Amino acid sequence: MRTLFFIFMTLCIINLCFPKFGWYLRYGWISKGESEPSRPYMAMTRMTSLLMLLIAFSLVVA
């Protein structure tokens, strides 16, 4: 269970710090670098990652 938590936390932190990387893994490889993610997409990705981190930490503390 701790391994799964560590993987989840690592992915959330990477997505929080580098949202463009997650976009590239999901959509960017299809367009072969010809397009960029929008600013609202980047903001929503960061907010969602932060929310998931807060939820995960609160579940660990509880």
N, C-alpha and C. Protein backbone atom coordinates (compact mmCIF):
# COMPACT_ATOMS: atom_id res chain seq x y z
N MET A 1 0.81 -1.19 0.00
CA MET A 1 0.00 0.00 0.00
C MET A 1 0.86 1.26 0.00
N ARG A 2 1.98 1.20 0.72
CA ARG A 2 2.86 2.37 0.75
C ARG A 2 3.49 2.63 -0.61
N THR A 3 3.78 1.57 -1.35
CA THR A 3 4.35 1.73 -2.68
C THR A 3 3.37 2.43 -3.60
N LEU A 4 2.12 2.04 -3.55
CA LEU A 4 1.08 2.68 -4.36
C LEU A 4 0.92 4.14 -3.98
N PHE A 5 0.95 4.43 -2.69
CA PHE A 5 0.86 5.81 -2.22
C PHE A 5 2.05 6.63 -2.73
N PHE A 6 3.25 6.06 -2.66
CA PHE A 6 4.45 6.76 -3.13
C PHE A 6 4.37 7.05 -4.62
N ILE A 7 3.91 6.10 -5.40
CA ILE A 7 3.77 6.31 -6.84
C ILE A 7 2.74 7.40 -7.12
N PHE A 8 1.61 7.35 -6.44
CA PHE A 8 0.56 8.36 -6.61
C PHE A 8 1.07 9.75 -6.26
N MET A 9 1.77 9.86 -5.14
CA MET A 9 2.28 11.16 -4.71
C MET A 9 3.33 11.69 -5.69
N THR A 10 4.18 10.81 -6.18
CA THR A 10 5.20 11.23 -7.15
C THR A 10 4.55 11.75 -8.43
N LEU A 11 3.55 11.05 -8.91
CA LEU A 11 2.87 11.50 -10.12
C LEU A 11 2.14 12.83 -9.91
N CYS A 12 1.53 13.01 -8.75
CA CYS A 12 0.86 14.27 -8.45
C CYS A 12 1.86 15.43 -8.38
N ILE A 13 3.01 15.20 -7.77
CA ILE A 13 4.02 16.26 -7.66
C ILE A 13 4.58 16.60 -9.03
N ILE A 14 4.85 15.59 -9.85
CA ILE A 14 5.34 15.84 -11.20
C ILE A 14 4.30 16.62 -12.00
N ASN A 15 3.05 16.23 -11.88
CA ASN A 15 1.98 16.91 -12.61
C ASN A 15 1.76 18.33 -12.08
N LEU A 16 2.00 18.55 -10.81
CA LEU A 16 1.88 19.89 -10.24
C LEU A 16 3.00 20.80 -10.73
N CYS A 17 4.21 20.29 -10.77
CA CYS A 17 5.37 21.09 -11.17
C CYS A 17 5.51 21.21 -12.69
N PHE A 18 5.17 20.14 -13.40
CA PHE A 18 5.35 20.11 -14.85
C PHE A 18 4.08 19.63 -15.55
N PRO A 19 3.04 20.46 -15.60
CA PRO A 19 1.78 20.00 -16.20
C PRO A 19 1.90 19.76 -17.71
N LYS A 20 2.85 20.40 -18.35
CA LYS A 20 3.04 20.21 -19.78
C LYS A 20 3.51 18.78 -20.09
N PHE A 21 4.25 18.19 -19.17
CA PHE A 21 4.72 16.81 -19.34
C PHE A 21 3.54 15.84 -19.39
N GLY A 22 2.59 16.01 -18.49
CA GLY A 22 1.40 15.17 -18.49
C GLY A 22 0.57 15.37 -19.74
N TRP A 23 0.47 16.61 -20.19
CA TRP A 23 -0.26 16.89 -21.42
C TRP A 23 0.42 16.21 -22.60
N TYR A 24 1.73 16.26 -22.64
CA TYR A 24 2.45 15.63 -23.74
C TYR A 24 2.24 14.12 -23.75
N LEU A 25 2.26 13.50 -22.57
CA LEU A 25 2.05 12.05 -22.51
C LEU A 25 0.65 11.65 -22.97
N ARG A 26 -0.32 12.53 -22.73
CA ARG A 26 -1.69 12.19 -23.10
C ARG A 26 -2.06 12.63 -24.51
N TYR A 27 -1.71 13.87 -24.90
CA TYR A 27 -2.14 14.43 -26.18
C TYR A 27 -1.00 14.84 -27.10
N GLY A 28 0.09 15.30 -26.56
CA GLY A 28 1.15 15.91 -27.36
C GLY A 28 1.81 14.98 -28.35
N TRP A 29 1.96 13.73 -27.99
CA TRP A 29 2.62 12.80 -28.91
C TRP A 29 1.79 12.58 -30.17
N ILE A 30 0.48 12.79 -30.08
CA ILE A 30 -0.38 12.63 -31.25
C ILE A 30 -0.11 13.74 -32.26
N SER A 31 0.04 14.97 -31.76
CA SER A 31 0.25 16.11 -32.65
C SER A 31 1.73 16.32 -32.98
N LYS A 32 2.59 15.51 -32.43
CA LYS A 32 4.04 15.56 -32.69
C LYS A 32 4.64 16.93 -32.42
N GLY A 33 4.19 17.56 -31.34
CA GLY A 33 4.76 18.83 -30.92
C GLY A 33 4.28 20.04 -31.68
N GLU A 34 3.24 19.89 -32.48
CA GLU A 34 2.75 21.02 -33.28
C GLU A 34 1.78 21.92 -32.52
N SER A 35 1.34 21.50 -31.35
CA SER A 35 0.42 22.32 -30.57
C SER A 35 0.88 22.36 -29.12
N GLU A 36 0.33 23.30 -28.38
CA GLU A 36 0.67 23.50 -26.97
C GLU A 36 -0.61 23.44 -26.14
N PRO A 37 -0.50 23.08 -24.86
CA PRO A 37 -1.68 23.10 -24.00
C PRO A 37 -2.10 24.54 -23.70
N SER A 38 -3.39 24.73 -23.50
CA SER A 38 -3.89 26.08 -23.21
C SER A 38 -3.60 26.44 -21.75
N ARG A 39 -3.64 27.73 -21.47
CA ARG A 39 -3.41 28.20 -20.10
C ARG A 39 -4.47 27.69 -19.13
N PRO A 40 -5.76 27.68 -19.52
CA PRO A 40 -6.76 27.13 -18.59
C PRO A 40 -6.53 25.64 -18.30
N TYR A 41 -6.09 24.89 -19.29
CA TYR A 41 -5.79 23.48 -19.07
C TYR A 41 -4.65 23.32 -18.07
N MET A 42 -3.62 24.14 -18.21
CA MET A 42 -2.48 24.08 -17.29
C MET A 42 -2.92 24.45 -15.88
N ALA A 43 -3.75 25.49 -15.76
CA ALA A 43 -4.23 25.92 -14.43
C ALA A 43 -5.10 24.84 -13.80
N MET A 44 -5.99 24.25 -14.58
CA MET A 44 -6.87 23.21 -14.04
C MET A 44 -6.06 21.98 -13.63
N THR A 45 -5.06 21.63 -14.40
CA THR A 45 -4.21 20.49 -14.06
C THR A 45 -3.48 20.73 -12.75
N ARG A 46 -2.96 21.94 -12.57
CA ARG A 46 -2.26 22.25 -11.32
C ARG A 46 -3.21 22.25 -10.13
N MET A 47 -4.40 22.82 -10.30
CA MET A 47 -5.35 22.85 -9.19
C MET A 47 -5.80 21.43 -8.81
N THR A 48 -6.04 20.61 -9.81
CA THR A 48 -6.46 19.24 -9.55
C THR A 48 -5.36 18.45 -8.85
N SER A 49 -4.13 18.63 -9.28
CA SER A 49 -3.01 17.93 -8.65
C SER A 49 -2.84 18.37 -7.20
N LEU A 50 -2.98 19.65 -6.95
CA LEU A 50 -2.88 20.15 -5.58
C LEU A 50 -4.00 19.59 -4.71
N LEU A 51 -5.21 19.55 -5.24
CA LEU A 51 -6.34 18.99 -4.51
C LEU A 51 -6.10 17.51 -4.19
N MET A 52 -5.60 16.76 -5.15
CA MET A 52 -5.32 15.34 -4.92
C MET A 52 -4.23 15.14 -3.86
N LEU A 53 -3.22 16.01 -3.86
CA LEU A 53 -2.18 15.93 -2.84
C LEU A 53 -2.76 16.20 -1.45
N LEU A 54 -3.61 17.21 -1.35
CA LEU A 54 -4.22 17.53 -0.07
C LEU A 54 -5.10 16.39 0.43
N ILE A 55 -5.86 15.80 -0.45
CA ILE A 55 -6.71 14.68 -0.07
C ILE A 55 -5.87 13.49 0.38
N ALA A 56 -4.81 13.20 -0.37
CA ALA A 56 -3.96 12.06 -0.03
C ALA A 56 -3.28 12.27 1.33
N PHE A 57 -2.76 13.48 1.57
CA PHE A 57 -2.13 13.74 2.85
C PHE A 57 -3.13 13.67 4.01
N SER A 58 -4.35 14.15 3.77
CA SER A 58 -5.34 14.09 4.85
C SER A 58 -5.76 12.64 5.14
N LEU A 59 -5.79 11.79 4.13
CA LEU A 59 -6.11 10.39 4.35
C LEU A 59 -4.99 9.67 5.09
N VAL A 60 -3.75 10.06 4.83
CA VAL A 60 -2.62 9.43 5.51
C VAL A 60 -2.59 9.84 6.98
N VAL A 61 -2.90 11.11 7.25
CA VAL A 61 -2.86 11.60 8.62
C VAL A 61 -4.01 11.01 9.44
N ALA A 62 -5.15 10.80 8.81
CA ALA A 62 -6.34 10.31 9.53
C ALA A 62 -6.22 8.89 9.97
